[in-house]
Every structure is written in C-alpha cells, then in structure tokens.
PDB file of N, CA and C in Angstrom:
ATOM      1  N   MET A   1      12.164 -30.657  -7.993  1.00  0.00           N
ATOM      2  CA  MET A   1      13.119 -29.416  -7.683  1.00  0.00           C
ATOM      3  C   MET A   1      12.653 -28.300  -8.286  1.00  0.00           C
ATOM      4  N   LEU A   2      12.514 -27.058  -7.685  1.00  0.00           N
ATOM      5  CA  LEU A   2      12.504 -26.213  -8.367  1.00  0.00           C
ATOM      6  C   LEU A   2      13.558 -25.153  -9.475  1.00  0.00           C
ATOM      7  N   GLU A   3      13.440 -25.364 -10.500  1.00  0.00           N
ATOM      8  CA  GLU A   3      14.675 -24.642 -11.395  1.00  0.00           C
ATOM      9  C   GLU A   3      14.548 -23.343 -11.091  1.00  0.00           C
ATOM     10  N   SER A   4      15.780 -23.016 -11.198  1.00  0.00           N
ATOM     11  CA  SER A   4      15.907 -21.110 -10.631  1.00  0.00           C
ATOM     12  C   SER A   4      15.500 -20.498 -12.011  1.00  0.00           C
ATOM     13  N   ASP A   5      15.970 -21.173 -12.887  1.00  0.00           N
ATOM     14  CA  ASP A   5      15.679 -20.168 -14.402  1.00  0.00           C
ATOM     15  C   ASP A   5      14.441 -20.097 -14.851  1.00  0.00           C
ATOM     16  N   ARG A   6      13.317 -20.446 -13.922  1.00  0.00           N
ATOM     17  CA  ARG A   6      12.109 -20.395 -14.369  1.00  0.00           C
ATOM     18  C   ARG A   6      11.572 -19.250 -13.469  1.00  0.00           C
ATOM     19  N   ASN A   7      10.612 -18.500 -14.041  1.00  0.00           N
ATOM     20  CA  ASN A   7       9.829 -17.719 -13.283  1.00  0.00           C
ATOM     21  C   ASN A   7       8.541 -18.623 -12.727  1.00  0.00           C
ATOM     22  N   TYR A   8       8.163 -19.074 -12.141  1.00  0.00           N
ATOM     23  CA  TYR A   8       6.893 -19.793 -11.743  1.00  0.00           C
ATOM     24  C   TYR A   8       5.844 -18.770 -11.235  1.00  0.00           C
ATOM     25  N   PHE A   9       5.089 -18.160 -12.103  1.00  0.00           N
ATOM     26  CA  PHE A   9       3.871 -17.303 -11.989  1.00  0.00           C
ATOM     27  C   PHE A   9       4.384 -16.075 -11.428  1.00  0.00           C
ATOM     28  N   ILE A  10       5.388 -15.421 -11.192  1.00  0.00           N
ATOM     29  CA  ILE A  10       5.912 -14.319 -10.665  1.00  0.00           C
ATOM     30  C   ILE A  10       6.544 -13.783 -11.915  1.00  0.00           C
ATOM     31  N   LYS A  11       5.777 -12.344 -11.934  1.00  0.00           N
ATOM     32  CA  LYS A  11       6.218 -11.557 -12.433  1.00  0.00           C
ATOM     33  C   LYS A  11       6.750 -10.164 -12.279  1.00  0.00           C
ATOM     34  N   GLU A  12       7.706  -9.681 -12.346  1.00  0.00           N
ATOM     35  CA  GLU A  12       8.700  -8.623 -12.311  1.00  0.00           C
ATOM     36  C   GLU A  12       7.977  -7.291 -12.125  1.00  0.00           C
ATOM     37  N   ILE A  13       7.870  -6.522 -10.847  1.00  0.00           N
ATOM     38  CA  ILE A  13       7.646  -5.401 -10.876  1.00  0.00           C
ATOM     39  C   ILE A  13       8.460  -4.160 -11.401  1.00  0.00           C
ATOM     40  N   GLY A  14       7.738  -3.671 -12.643  1.00  0.00           N
ATOM     41  CA  GLY A  14       9.256  -2.535 -13.406  1.00  0.00           C
ATOM     42  C   GLY A  14       9.420  -1.208 -12.331  1.00  0.00           C
ATOM     43  N   ASP A  15       8.130  -0.800 -11.788  1.00  0.00           N
ATOM     44  CA  ASP A  15       8.515   0.519 -11.256  1.00  0.00           C
ATOM     45  C   ASP A  15       7.398   0.670 -10.134  1.00  0.00           C
ATOM     46  N   LEU A  16       7.850   1.675  -9.433  1.00  0.00           N
ATOM     47  CA  LEU A  16       7.438   1.730  -7.986  1.00  0.00           C
ATOM     48  C   LEU A  16       5.844   2.059  -7.920  1.00  0.00           C
ATOM     49  N   LYS A  17       5.333   2.700  -8.763  1.00  0.00           N
ATOM     50  CA  LYS A  17       4.151   2.679  -8.938  1.00  0.00           C
ATOM     51  C   LYS A  17       3.032   1.033  -9.097  1.00  0.00           C
ATOM     52  N   ASP A  18       3.837   0.410  -9.931  1.00  0.00           N
ATOM     53  CA  ASP A  18       3.310  -0.892  -9.989  1.00  0.00           C
ATOM     54  C   ASP A  18       3.256  -1.336  -8.625  1.00  0.00           C
ATOM     55  N   PHE A  19       4.480  -1.763  -7.629  1.00  0.00           N
ATOM     56  CA  PHE A  19       4.437  -2.058  -6.809  1.00  0.00           C
ATOM     57  C   PHE A  19       3.867  -1.461  -5.745  1.00  0.00           C
ATOM     58  N   LEU A  20       3.234  -0.217  -5.594  1.00  0.00           N
ATOM     59  CA  LEU A  20       2.449   0.418  -4.622  1.00  0.00           C
ATOM     60  C   LEU A  20       1.023  -0.156  -4.995  1.00  0.00           C
ATOM     61  N   THR A  21       0.578  -0.290  -6.507  1.00  0.00           N
ATOM     62  CA  THR A  21      -0.560  -0.941  -6.730  1.00  0.00           C
ATOM     63  C   THR A  21      -0.695  -2.007  -6.404  1.00  0.00           C
ATOM     64  N   VAL A  22       0.059  -3.052  -6.873  1.00  0.00           N
ATOM     65  CA  VAL A  22      -0.154  -4.483  -5.891  1.00  0.00           C
ATOM     66  C   VAL A  22      -0.065  -4.689  -4.717  1.00  0.00           C
ATOM     67  N   SER A  23       0.751  -3.977  -4.145  1.00  0.00           N
ATOM     68  CA  SER A  23       0.793  -3.945  -2.542  1.00  0.00           C
ATOM     69  C   SER A  23      -0.375  -3.697  -1.911  1.00  0.00           C
ATOM     70  N   TYR A  24      -1.084  -2.387  -2.661  1.00  0.00           N
ATOM     71  CA  TYR A  24      -2.513  -1.731  -2.185  1.00  0.00           C
ATOM     72  C   TYR A  24      -3.553  -2.980  -1.921  1.00  0.00           C
ATOM     73  N   VAL A  25      -3.274  -3.513  -3.393  1.00  0.00           N
ATOM     74  CA  VAL A  25      -4.747  -4.284  -3.623  1.00  0.00           C
ATOM     75  C   VAL A  25      -4.520  -5.759  -2.715  1.00  0.00           C
ATOM     76  N   ILE A  26      -3.498  -6.578  -2.530  1.00  0.00           N
ATOM     77  CA  ILE A  26      -3.297  -7.424  -1.832  1.00  0.00           C
ATOM     78  C   ILE A  26      -3.258  -7.167  -0.220  1.00  0.00           C
ATOM     79  N   ILE A  27      -2.995  -5.686   0.624  1.00  0.00           N
ATOM     80  CA  ILE A  27      -3.140  -5.371   1.652  1.00  0.00           C
ATOM     81  C   ILE A  27      -4.636  -4.850   1.801  1.00  0.00           C
ATOM     82  N   ASP A  28      -5.543  -4.585   0.735  1.00  0.00           N
ATOM     83  CA  ASP A  28      -6.578  -4.041   1.004  1.00  0.00           C
ATOM     84  C   ASP A  28      -7.843  -5.552   1.241  1.00  0.00           C
ATOM     85  N   ASP A  29      -7.464  -6.165   0.332  1.00  0.00           N
ATOM     86  CA  ASP A  29      -8.414  -7.363   0.399  1.00  0.00           C
ATOM     87  C   ASP A  29      -8.000  -8.284   1.920  1.00  0.00           C
ATOM     88  N   ILE A  30      -6.711  -8.386   2.157  1.00  0.00           N
ATOM     89  CA  ILE A  30      -6.299  -8.875   3.529  1.00  0.00           C
ATOM     90  C   ILE A  30      -7.121  -8.012   4.492  1.00  0.00           C
ATOM     91  N   TYR A  31      -7.097  -6.543   4.700  1.00  0.00           N
ATOM     92  CA  TYR A  31      -7.665  -5.684   5.578  1.00  0.00           C
ATOM     93  C   TYR A  31      -9.119  -6.151   5.673  1.00  0.00           C
ATOM     94  N   GLN A  32      -9.654  -6.271   4.295  1.00  0.00           N
ATOM     95  CA  GLN A  32     -11.648  -6.453   4.493  1.00  0.00           C
ATOM     96  C   GLN A  32     -11.706  -7.793   5.149  1.00  0.00           C
ATOM     97  N   GLU A  33     -10.787  -8.240   4.843  1.00  0.00           N
ATOM     98  CA  GLU A  33     -10.657 -10.041   5.121  1.00  0.00           C
ATOM     99  C   GLU A  33     -10.865 -10.122   7.140  1.00  0.00           C
ATOM    100  N   VAL A  34      -9.795  -9.792   7.546  1.00  0.00           N
ATOM    101  CA  VAL A  34      -9.666  -9.836   9.085  1.00  0.00           C
ATOM    102  C   VAL A  34     -10.249  -8.631   9.887  1.00  0.00           C
ATOM    103  N   THR A  35     -10.613  -7.506   9.430  1.00  0.00           N
ATOM    104  CA  THR A  35     -11.125  -6.332  10.445  1.00  0.00           C
ATOM    105  C   THR A  35     -12.184  -6.188  10.553  1.00  0.00           C
ATOM    106  N   PRO A  36     -12.924  -6.293  11.908  1.00  0.00           N
ATOM    107  CA  PRO A  36     -13.899  -6.598  12.206  1.00  0.00           C
ATOM    108  C   PRO A  36     -14.713  -5.420  12.009  1.00  0.00           C
ATOM    109  N   THR A  37     -16.185  -5.540  11.854  1.00  0.00           N
ATOM    110  CA  THR A  37     -17.214  -4.694  11.228  1.00  0.00           C
ATOM    111  C   THR A  37     -17.046  -3.143  12.076  1.00  0.00           C
ATOM    112  N   HIS A  38     -17.260  -3.364  13.434  1.00  0.00           N
ATOM    113  CA  HIS A  38     -17.196  -2.042  13.860  1.00  0.00           C
ATOM    114  C   HIS A  38     -16.140  -1.203  14.165  1.00  0.00           C
ATOM    115  N   ILE A  39     -14.969  -1.448  13.470  1.00  0.00           N
ATOM    116  CA  ILE A  39     -13.833  -0.646  13.132  1.00  0.00           C
ATOM    117  C   ILE A  39     -13.801  -0.280  11.413  1.00  0.00           C
ATOM    118  N   LYS A  40     -14.315  -0.962  11.001  1.00  0.00           N
ATOM    119  CA  LYS A  40     -14.937  -0.644   9.089  1.00  0.00           C
ATOM    120  C   LYS A  40     -15.756   0.291   9.239  1.00  0.00           C
ATOM    121  N   ASN A  41     -16.803   0.119  10.265  1.00  0.00           N
ATOM    122  CA  ASN A  41     -17.905   1.369  10.363  1.00  0.00           C
ATOM    123  C   ASN A  41     -18.182   2.188  11.396  1.00  0.00           C
ATOM    124  N   ARG A  42     -16.815   2.509  11.855  1.00  0.00           N
ATOM    125  CA  ARG A  42     -16.556   3.488  13.160  1.00  0.00           C
ATOM    126  C   ARG A  42     -17.020   4.680  12.835  1.00  0.00           C
ATOM    127  N   CYS A  43     -17.464   5.742  13.533  1.00  0.00           N
ATOM    128  CA  CYS A  43     -18.207   6.909  13.366  1.00  0.00           C
ATOM    129  C   CYS A  43     -17.282   8.005  12.716  1.00  0.00           C
ATOM    130  N   ASN A  44     -16.008   8.234  12.621  1.00  0.00           N
ATOM    131  CA  ASN A  44     -15.246   9.260  11.915  1.00  0.00           C
ATOM    132  C   ASN A  44     -14.835   8.647  10.477  1.00  0.00           C
ATOM    133  N   ILE A  45     -15.231   7.674   9.766  1.00  0.00           N
ATOM    134  CA  ILE A  45     -15.136   7.000   8.757  1.00  0.00           C
ATOM    135  C   ILE A  45     -15.080   8.090   7.633  1.00  0.00           C
ATOM    136  N   ASN A  46     -16.417   8.738   7.491  1.00  0.00           N
ATOM    137  CA  ASN A  46     -16.498   9.685   6.637  1.00  0.00           C
ATOM    138  C   ASN A  46     -15.384  10.832   6.642  1.00  0.00           C
ATOM    139  N   THR A  47     -15.384  11.095   7.423  1.00  0.00           N
ATOM    140  CA  THR A  47     -14.272  12.354   7.691  1.00  0.00           C
ATOM    141  C   THR A  47     -12.606  12.182   7.401  1.00  0.00           C
ATOM    142  N   SER A  48     -12.546  10.923   7.161  1.00  0.00           N
ATOM    143  CA  SER A  48     -10.925  10.477   6.990  1.00  0.00           C
ATOM    144  C   SER A  48     -10.564  11.027   5.718  1.00  0.00           C
ATOM    145  N   LYS A  49      -9.104  11.173   5.142  1.00  0.00           N
ATOM    146  CA  LYS A  49      -8.759  11.717   4.162  1.00  0.00           C
ATOM    147  C   LYS A  49      -8.569  10.358   3.295  1.00  0.00           C
ATOM    148  N   MET A  50      -7.897   9.596   4.194  1.00  0.00           N
ATOM    149  CA  MET A  50      -7.737   8.130   3.474  1.00  0.00           C
ATOM    150  C   MET A  50      -7.914   6.851   3.977  1.00  0.00           C
ATOM    151  N   SER A  51      -8.026   5.976   3.207  1.00  0.00           N
ATOM    152  CA  SER A  51      -8.718   4.533   3.933  1.00  0.00           C
ATOM    153  C   SER A  51      -7.446   4.216   4.447  1.00  0.00           C
ATOM    154  N   ASP A  52      -7.740   3.394   5.646  1.00  0.00           N
ATOM    155  CA  ASP A  52      -6.766   2.764   6.185  1.00  0.00           C
ATOM    156  C   ASP A  52      -6.149   1.481   5.602  1.00  0.00           C
ATOM    157  N   SER A  53      -6.442   0.925   4.494  1.00  0.00           N
ATOM    158  CA  SER A  53      -5.694   0.214   3.621  1.00  0.00           C
ATOM    159  C   SER A  53      -4.382   0.964   2.820  1.00  0.00           C
ATOM    160  N   GLU A  54      -4.541   2.496   2.360  1.00  0.00           N
ATOM    161  CA  GLU A  54      -3.980   3.353   1.940  1.00  0.00           C
ATOM    162  C   GLU A  54      -2.925   3.484   3.248  1.00  0.00           C
ATOM    163  N   ILE A  55      -2.981   3.933   4.009  1.00  0.00           N
ATOM    164  CA  ILE A  55      -2.317   4.240   4.899  1.00  0.00           C
ATOM    165  C   ILE A  55      -1.095   3.251   5.326  1.00  0.00           C
ATOM    166  N   ILE A  56      -1.981   2.042   5.462  1.00  0.00           N
ATOM    167  CA  ILE A  56      -1.001   0.712   5.996  1.00  0.00           C
ATOM    168  C   ILE A  56      -0.001   0.110   4.625  1.00  0.00           C
ATOM    169  N   THR A  57      -0.703   0.576   3.323  1.00  0.00           N
ATOM    170  CA  THR A  57       0.144   0.191   2.330  1.00  0.00           C
ATOM    171  C   THR A  57       1.477   1.225   2.288  1.00  0.00           C
ATOM    172  N   LEU A  58       1.023   2.301   2.638  1.00  0.00           N
ATOM    173  CA  LEU A  58       2.429   3.561   2.606  1.00  0.00           C
ATOM    174  C   LEU A  58       3.069   3.244   3.508  1.00  0.00           C
ATOM    175  N   SER A  59       2.794   2.856   4.873  1.00  0.00           N
ATOM    176  CA  SER A  59       3.617   2.777   5.707  1.00  0.00           C
ATOM    177  C   SER A  59       4.603   1.285   5.497  1.00  0.00           C
ATOM    178  N   ILE A  60       3.727  -0.251   5.052  1.00  0.00           N
ATOM    179  CA  ILE A  60       4.844  -1.140   4.696  1.00  0.00           C
ATOM    180  C   ILE A  60       5.833  -0.963   3.821  1.00  0.00           C
ATOM    181  N   VAL A  61       5.271  -0.169   2.702  1.00  0.00           N
ATOM    182  CA  VAL A  61       6.270  -0.108   1.565  1.00  0.00           C
ATOM    183  C   VAL A  61       7.565   0.852   1.635  1.00  0.00           C
ATOM    184  N   ALA A  62       6.956   1.715   2.643  1.00  0.00           N
ATOM    185  CA  ALA A  62       8.224   2.716   3.155  1.00  0.00           C
ATOM    186  C   ALA A  62       9.332   1.855   4.000  1.00  0.00           C
ATOM    187  N   LYS A  63       8.832   0.698   4.868  1.00  0.00           N
ATOM    188  CA  LYS A  63       9.569  -0.139   5.628  1.00  0.00           C
ATOM    189  C   LYS A  63      10.560  -0.849   4.737  1.00  0.00           C
ATOM    190  N   LEU A  64       9.570  -1.438   3.669  1.00  0.00           N
ATOM    191  CA  LEU A  64      10.328  -2.449   2.680  1.00  0.00           C
ATOM    192  C   LEU A  64      11.533  -1.636   2.147  1.00  0.00           C
ATOM    193  N   LEU A  65      11.254  -0.131   1.633  1.00  0.00           N
ATOM    194  CA  LEU A  65      12.662   0.416   1.040  1.00  0.00           C
ATOM    195  C   LEU A  65      13.522   0.884   2.005  1.00  0.00           C
ATOM    196  N   THR A  66      13.199   0.451   3.178  1.00  0.00           N
ATOM    197  CA  THR A  66      14.428   1.098   4.462  1.00  0.00           C
ATOM    198  C   THR A  66      13.903   2.641   4.463  1.00  0.00           C
ATOM    199  N   ILE A  67      13.273   3.345   4.193  1.00  0.00           N
ATOM    200  CA  ILE A  67      12.826   4.623   4.627  1.00  0.00           C
ATOM    201  C   ILE A  67      12.369   5.172   6.091  1.00  0.00           C
ATOM    202  N   ASP A  68      13.333   5.970   6.618  1.00  0.00           N
ATOM    203  CA  ASP A  68      13.297   6.129   7.860  1.00  0.00           C
ATOM    204  C   ASP A  68      12.156   7.255   8.219  1.00  0.00           C
ATOM    205  N   SER A  69      12.309   8.794   7.191  1.00  0.00           N
ATOM    206  CA  SER A  69      11.435   9.600   7.601  1.00  0.00           C
ATOM    207  C   SER A  69      10.348   9.502   7.159  1.00  0.00           C
ATOM    208  N   GLU A  70       9.245   9.648   7.820  1.00  0.00           N
ATOM    209  CA  GLU A  70       7.918   9.262   7.862  1.00  0.00           C
ATOM    210  C   GLU A  70       7.426  10.462   6.476  1.00  0.00           C
ATOM    211  N   ASN A  71       7.941  11.712   7.327  1.00  0.00           N
ATOM    212  CA  ASN A  71       7.431  12.946   6.716  1.00  0.00           C
ATOM    213  C   ASN A  71       8.060  12.856   5.283  1.00  0.00           C
ATOM    214  N   ALA A  72       9.399  12.387   4.633  1.00  0.00           N
ATOM    215  CA  ALA A  72      10.162  12.566   3.467  1.00  0.00           C
ATOM    216  C   ALA A  72       9.524  11.500   2.909  1.00  0.00           C
ATOM    217  N   TRP A  73       9.016  10.031   3.333  1.00  0.00           N
ATOM    218  CA  TRP A  73       8.225   9.479   2.452  1.00  0.00           C
ATOM    219  C   TRP A  73       6.977  10.156   1.889  1.00  0.00           C
ATOM    220  N   PHE A  74       6.001  10.628   3.045  1.00  0.00           N
ATOM    221  CA  PHE A  74       4.921  11.230   2.574  1.00  0.00           C
ATOM    222  C   PHE A  74       4.857  12.373   1.758  1.00  0.00           C
ATOM    223  N   GLY A  75       5.914  13.097   1.744  1.00  0.00           N
ATOM    224  CA  GLY A  75       5.681  14.263   0.882  1.00  0.00           C
ATOM    225  C   GLY A  75       6.625  13.752  -0.523  1.00  0.00           C
ATOM    226  N   PHE A  76       7.255  12.572  -0.700  1.00  0.00           N
ATOM    227  CA  PHE A  76       7.981  12.037  -1.970  1.00  0.00           C
ATOM    228  C   PHE A  76       6.444  11.626  -2.592  1.00  0.00           C
ATOM    229  N   CYS A  77       5.536  10.824  -1.381  1.00  0.00           N
ATOM    230  CA  CYS A  77       4.018  10.245  -2.133  1.00  0.00           C
ATOM    231  C   CYS A  77       3.602  11.297  -2.868  1.00  0.00           C
ATOM    232  N   ASN A  78       3.286  12.806  -2.048  1.00  0.00           N
ATOM    233  CA  ASN A  78       2.635  13.705  -2.405  1.00  0.00           C
ATOM    234  C   ASN A  78       2.847  14.195  -3.754  1.00  0.00           C
ATOM    235  N   LYS A  79       4.367  13.964  -4.044  1.00  0.00           N
ATOM    236  CA  LYS A  79       4.668  14.709  -5.122  1.00  0.00           C
ATOM    237  C   LYS A  79       4.704  14.190  -6.347  1.00  0.00           C
ATOM    238  N   ASN A  80       5.086  12.591  -5.940  1.00  0.00           N
ATOM    239  CA  ASN A  80       5.403  11.755  -7.229  1.00  0.00           C
ATOM    240  C   ASN A  80       4.007  10.920  -7.500  1.00  0.00           C
ATOM    241  N   MET A  81       3.263  10.566  -6.217  1.00  0.00           N
ATOM    242  CA  MET A  81       2.543   9.417  -6.420  1.00  0.00           C
ATOM    243  C   MET A  81       1.019  10.155  -6.007  1.00  0.00           C
ATOM    244  N   ARG A  82       0.750  11.224  -6.357  1.00  0.00           N
ATOM    245  CA  ARG A  82      -0.389  11.930  -6.335  1.00  0.00           C
ATOM    246  C   ARG A  82      -1.617  10.965  -7.370  1.00  0.00           C
ATOM    247  N   ASP A  83      -1.609  10.757  -8.363  1.00  0.00           N
ATOM    248  CA  ASP A  83      -2.586   9.976  -9.154  1.00  0.00           C
ATOM    249  C   ASP A  83      -2.623   8.563  -8.206  1.00  0.00           C
ATOM    250  N   LEU A  84      -1.991   7.962  -7.697  1.00  0.00           N
ATOM    251  CA  LEU A  84      -2.142   6.628  -6.880  1.00  0.00           C
ATOM    252  C   LEU A  84      -2.938   7.013  -5.648  1.00  0.00           C
ATOM    253  N   PHE A  85      -2.630   8.236  -4.847  1.00  0.00           N
ATOM    254  CA  PHE A  85      -3.085   8.490  -3.603  1.00  0.00           C
ATOM    255  C   PHE A  85      -3.785  10.022  -3.755  1.00  0.00           C
ATOM    256  N   PRO A  86      -4.641  10.572  -4.487  1.00  0.00           N
ATOM    257  CA  PRO A  86      -5.017  11.577  -4.258  1.00  0.00           C
ATOM    258  C   PRO A  86      -5.606  12.752  -3.043  1.00  0.00           C
ATOM    259  N   ARG A  87      -5.724  11.749  -2.130  1.00  0.00           N
ATOM    260  CA  ARG A  87      -6.114  12.631  -0.941  1.00  0.00           C
ATOM    261  C   ARG A  87      -4.541  12.519   0.119  1.00  0.00           C
ATOM    262  N   LEU A  88      -3.845  12.274  -0.527  1.00  0.00           N
ATOM    263  CA  LEU A  88      -2.476  11.898   0.589  1.00  0.00           C
ATOM    264  C   LEU A  88      -2.376  13.908   1.127  1.00  0.00           C
TER     265      LEU A  88
END
C-alpha cells in the first residue's frame, strides 16, 4: 500500500512559470506523437505567431486555474510570462 507521507517521484512545482513549462513539455510531446503529418505541415504554419502546443498549453492551464476570461488570461500571460511565450 502507498504511504501518504512519501512523494513517489512527485516533485512539487513552486510557481506558475514552472507549471507552464512542465505542462508545455508534456503537451508538446503528446501533440507531436498523435497529430497527423498533414496537420503539422499545413500551408500556413510559417505565418502563425504561436505553435499549436503553446496555444493548447495556455488553454488547458487556464481551465485548470478556473480562469473564465480568455482575454484576461492572455493579457496576464502577455504581461507576466513574456519570457516563456515571446510571440504572444
């Protein structure tokens, strides 16, 4: 039986930037694995500002944080997470 006082390979994430980074890495790995080639190589991919993985990460993290306003969330990320998402 698992003991509740032990952290079985679980590291606590200290701040939002670390959480966004870990989330992005996981989401990008899954995205690269499951997305068909014709979607990854679509014709407008060079003109996009952000990658699909970045957009998915921001959307999922907003839902996990129970943020309802997409404009407010993207504004917050634009102001405070510019180093993680420079093209936001």
